[in-house]
Amino acid sequence: MKAYTYSEACQKLSEILDVARSEEVIIRRGDGETFAVKYKHLPKSPFDVSGIKTMATTKDIIEAVRESRAGTGQGD
């Protein structure tokens, strides 16, 4: 566990965040209060997907959805 003063923490925030990936970091204020910085891995949502490039317009997409719902698509 590493400890920093508030002033050091302000100057070295990037370093502190890097250290916090592997161990807890303590920041101590001048009045004696202490705070812990700890890395927290948050799982990604299954809906967090990258977009795709397409030439389809909004009109094309809406038309395709309407066709699929009506059962009048090209495959019918």
C-alpha atoms as a PDB file:
ATOM      1  CA  MET A   1       0.000   0.000   0.000  1.00  0.00           C
ATOM      2  CA  LYS A   2       1.348   3.411  -0.999  1.00  0.00           C
ATOM      3  CA  ALA A   3       0.434   6.682   0.678  1.00  0.00           C
ATOM      4  CA  TYR A   4       0.472  10.182  -0.766  1.00  0.00           C
ATOM      5  CA  THR A   5      -0.303  13.593   0.645  1.00  0.00           C
ATOM      6  CA  TYR A   6      -3.126  15.564  -0.906  1.00  0.00           C
ATOM      7  CA  SER A   7      -0.622  17.869  -2.644  1.00  0.00           C
ATOM      8  CA  GLU A   8       1.305  14.905  -4.081  1.00  0.00           C
ATOM      9  CA  ALA A   9      -1.944  13.329  -5.238  1.00  0.00           C
ATOM     10  CA  CYS A  10      -2.917  16.474  -7.135  1.00  0.00           C
ATOM     11  CA  GLN A  11       0.443  16.499  -8.925  1.00  0.00           C
ATOM     12  CA  LYS A  12       0.722  12.746  -9.540  1.00  0.00           C
ATOM     13  CA  LEU A  13      -2.851  11.630 -10.231  1.00  0.00           C
ATOM     14  CA  SER A  14      -1.949   9.644 -13.349  1.00  0.00           C
ATOM     15  CA  GLU A  15       0.796   7.794 -11.453  1.00  0.00           C
ATOM     16  CA  ILE A  16      -1.553   7.108  -8.541  1.00  0.00           C
ATOM     17  CA  LEU A  17      -4.165   5.590 -10.848  1.00  0.00           C
ATOM     18  CA  ASP A  18      -1.507   3.340 -12.400  1.00  0.00           C
ATOM     19  CA  VAL A  19      -0.348   2.193  -8.943  1.00  0.00           C
ATOM     20  CA  ALA A  20      -3.964   1.608  -7.864  1.00  0.00           C
ATOM     21  CA  ARG A  21      -4.285  -1.086 -10.553  1.00  0.00           C
ATOM     22  CA  SER A  22      -2.063  -3.329  -8.450  1.00  0.00           C
ATOM     23  CA  GLU A  23      -2.423  -2.061  -4.879  1.00  0.00           C
ATOM     24  CA  GLU A  24      -4.497   0.202  -2.694  1.00  0.00           C
ATOM     25  CA  VAL A  25      -3.389   3.837  -2.530  1.00  0.00           C
ATOM     26  CA  ILE A  26      -3.992   6.103   0.465  1.00  0.00           C
ATOM     27  CA  ILE A  27      -4.335   9.873   0.127  1.00  0.00           C
ATOM     28  CA  ARG A  28      -3.944  11.860   3.335  1.00  0.00           C
ATOM     29  CA  ARG A  29      -5.257  15.409   3.679  1.00  0.00           C
ATOM     30  CA  GLY A  30      -3.617  18.030   5.845  1.00  0.00           C
ATOM     31  CA  ASP A  31      -6.333  17.683   8.501  1.00  0.00           C
ATOM     32  CA  GLY A  32      -5.564  13.956   8.886  1.00  0.00           C
ATOM     33  CA  GLU A  33      -8.479  12.532   6.878  1.00  0.00           C
ATOM     34  CA  THR A  34      -7.497   9.578   4.715  1.00  0.00           C
ATOM     35  CA  PHE A  35      -9.053   8.227   1.546  1.00  0.00           C
ATOM     36  CA  ALA A  36      -8.405   4.978  -0.297  1.00  0.00           C
ATOM     37  CA  VAL A  37      -8.087   4.678  -4.057  1.00  0.00           C
ATOM     38  CA  LYS A  38      -8.686   1.178  -5.346  1.00  0.00           C
ATOM     39  CA  TYR A  39      -8.954  -0.134  -8.912  1.00  0.00           C
ATOM     40  CA  LYS A  40     -12.360  -1.513  -9.767  1.00  0.00           C
ATOM     41  CA  HIS A  41     -12.944  -3.535 -12.923  1.00  0.00           C
ATOM     42  CA  LEU A  42     -16.485  -3.137 -14.193  1.00  0.00           C
ATOM     43  CA  PRO A  43     -17.756  -5.812 -16.570  1.00  0.00           C
ATOM     44  CA  LYS A  44     -18.862  -4.592 -19.962  1.00  0.00           C
ATOM     45  CA  SER A  45     -22.483  -4.812 -20.990  1.00  0.00           C
ATOM     46  CA  PRO A  46     -23.278  -7.422 -23.646  1.00  0.00           C
ATOM     47  CA  PHE A  47     -25.010  -4.551 -25.450  1.00  0.00           C
ATOM     48  CA  ASP A  48     -21.769  -2.544 -25.600  1.00  0.00           C
ATOM     49  CA  VAL A  49     -20.890  -3.372 -29.206  1.00  0.00           C
ATOM     50  CA  SER A  50     -18.992  -1.391 -31.764  1.00  0.00           C
ATOM     51  CA  GLY A  51     -20.917   0.154 -34.616  1.00  0.00           C
ATOM     52  CA  ILE A  52     -20.712  -0.847 -38.255  1.00  0.00           C
ATOM     53  CA  LYS A  53     -20.252   1.222 -41.395  1.00  0.00           C
ATOM     54  CA  THR A  54     -23.100   0.914 -43.887  1.00  0.00           C
ATOM     55  CA  MET A  55     -24.565   2.806 -46.806  1.00  0.00           C
ATOM     56  CA  ALA A  56     -28.095   2.131 -45.501  1.00  0.00           C
ATOM     57  CA  THR A  57     -30.140   5.188 -44.667  1.00  0.00           C
ATOM     58  CA  THR A  58     -32.643   5.495 -41.857  1.00  0.00           C
ATOM     59  CA  LYS A  59     -35.372   5.180 -44.497  1.00  0.00           C
ATOM     60  CA  ASP A  60     -33.828   1.899 -45.755  1.00  0.00           C
ATOM     61  CA  ILE A  61     -33.706   0.472 -42.241  1.00  0.00           C
ATOM     62  CA  ILE A  62     -37.277   1.466 -41.408  1.00  0.00           C
ATOM     63  CA  GLU A  63     -38.486  -0.024 -44.705  1.00  0.00           C
ATOM     64  CA  ALA A  64     -36.628  -3.291 -43.998  1.00  0.00           C
ATOM     65  CA  VAL A  65     -38.132  -3.525 -40.504  1.00  0.00           C
ATOM     66  CA  ARG A  66     -41.647  -2.864 -41.876  1.00  0.00           C
ATOM     67  CA  GLU A  67     -41.168  -5.508 -44.565  1.00  0.00           C
ATOM     68  CA  SER A  68     -39.935  -8.062 -42.044  1.00  0.00           C
ATOM     69  CA  ARG A  69     -42.903  -7.402 -39.778  1.00  0.00           C
ATOM     70  CA  ALA A  70     -45.365  -7.622 -42.664  1.00  0.00           C
ATOM     71  CA  GLY A  71     -43.730 -10.726 -44.120  1.00  0.00           C
ATOM     72  CA  THR A  72     -43.308  -9.065 -47.516  1.00  0.00           C
ATOM     73  CA  GLY A  73     -39.521  -9.199 -47.757  1.00  0.00           C
ATOM     74  CA  GLN A  74     -37.612 -10.381 -50.825  1.00  0.00           C
ATOM     75  CA  GLY A  75     -37.266 -13.903 -49.428  1.00  0.00           C
ATOM     76  CA  ASP A  76     -41.043 -14.436 -49.341  1.00  0.00           C
END
